[in-house]
Amino acid sequence: MRIAIVSDLHLASDKAETSFRHPRRIFLRFLDQIMSQVDMIIVAGDAFDTDTTLIPYARKRELVRAKEHWADILATLSGPKVQ
């Protein structure tokens, strides 16, 4: 079994500074290429970066925004090969 591990993406909302600096289309192409070569992808920790605000209790809102902003990457990482 071939397994790929993806971690530390730090995806933040479009309103926040993010440490994810890869062009979206290139990263999606990379994911497609990896998915065609492995049996399973494991997403290990720090997928989202919600520590982008100093406002108390705002992290949940940032998580929702990040999920909306990166919906295409999340859709790719929600396939049957992904754990």
Protein backbone atom coordinates (compact mmCIF):
# COMPACT_ATOMS: atom_id res chain seq x y z
CA MET A 1 0.00 0.00 0.00
CA ARG A 2 1.33 3.43 -0.96
CA ILE A 3 0.54 6.23 1.50
CA ALA A 4 1.17 9.99 1.26
CA ILE A 5 1.03 12.28 4.27
CA VAL A 6 0.08 15.94 3.92
CA SER A 7 0.40 18.21 6.94
CA ASP A 8 0.81 21.78 8.12
CA LEU A 9 -1.21 23.42 5.36
CA HIS A 10 -2.27 26.30 7.66
CA LEU A 11 -5.19 27.33 5.46
CA ALA A 12 -6.68 30.59 6.70
CA SER A 13 -9.64 32.66 5.56
CA ASP A 14 -9.27 35.14 2.73
CA LYS A 15 -9.40 37.93 5.33
CA ALA A 16 -6.43 36.63 7.29
CA GLU A 17 -2.73 36.30 6.67
CA THR A 18 -1.86 32.69 5.96
CA SER A 19 1.38 30.81 5.88
CA PHE A 20 0.10 28.77 2.92
CA ARG A 21 1.95 30.44 0.06
CA HIS A 22 1.44 28.01 -2.83
CA PRO A 23 -0.56 29.05 -5.89
CA ARG A 24 -3.94 27.33 -5.63
CA ARG A 25 -4.02 25.80 -9.12
CA ILE A 26 -0.51 24.38 -8.77
CA PHE A 27 -1.30 22.86 -5.38
CA LEU A 28 -4.52 21.31 -6.75
CA ARG A 29 -2.54 19.83 -9.65
CA PHE A 30 -0.02 18.48 -7.13
CA LEU A 31 -2.82 16.85 -5.10
CA ASP A 32 -4.32 15.29 -8.22
CA GLN A 33 -0.92 13.90 -9.19
CA ILE A 34 -0.31 12.49 -5.71
CA MET A 35 -3.80 10.97 -5.55
CA SER A 36 -3.21 9.15 -8.81
CA GLN A 37 -0.04 7.54 -7.42
CA VAL A 38 -1.06 6.45 -3.91
CA ASP A 39 -3.64 4.25 -2.25
CA MET A 40 -4.25 6.59 0.67
CA ILE A 41 -3.56 10.17 1.75
CA ILE A 42 -3.39 11.05 5.42
CA VAL A 43 -4.02 14.68 6.37
CA ALA A 44 -2.07 15.14 9.59
CA GLY A 45 -2.67 18.22 11.69
CA ASP A 46 -2.67 21.95 11.19
CA ALA A 47 -4.89 21.91 8.12
CA PHE A 48 -6.40 25.24 9.15
CA ASP A 49 -4.93 28.37 10.67
CA THR A 50 -7.56 29.89 12.95
CA ASP A 51 -5.12 31.68 15.21
CA THR A 52 -5.27 34.76 13.01
CA THR A 53 -7.38 37.03 15.17
CA LEU A 54 -7.01 38.61 18.57
CA ILE A 55 -10.78 38.82 19.05
CA PRO A 56 -11.95 36.35 21.70
CA TYR A 57 -14.17 33.52 20.42
CA ALA A 58 -13.57 34.49 16.78
CA ARG A 59 -11.72 31.29 15.85
CA LYS A 60 -14.91 29.44 14.98
CA ARG A 61 -15.85 32.19 12.53
CA GLU A 62 -12.33 32.07 11.06
CA LEU A 63 -12.61 28.30 10.61
CA VAL A 64 -15.91 28.69 8.74
CA ARG A 65 -14.38 31.39 6.52
CA ALA A 66 -11.28 29.29 5.85
CA LYS A 67 -13.39 26.29 4.87
CA GLU A 68 -15.38 28.45 2.46
CA HIS A 69 -12.28 30.12 1.00
CA TRP A 70 -10.46 26.81 0.39
CA ALA A 71 -13.50 24.75 -0.66
CA ASP A 72 -11.79 23.43 -3.81
CA ILE A 73 -8.81 22.07 -1.89
CA LEU A 74 -11.09 20.60 0.78
CA ALA A 75 -13.18 18.90 -1.88
CA THR A 76 -10.05 17.30 -3.28
CA LEU A 77 -8.97 16.22 0.20
CA SER A 78 -12.41 14.75 0.97
CA GLY A 79 -12.19 11.86 -1.45
CA PRO A 80 -12.33 8.16 -0.62
CA LYS A 81 -8.53 7.88 -0.45
CA VAL A 82 -8.19 10.52 2.26
CA GLN A 83 -8.06 9.70 5.98
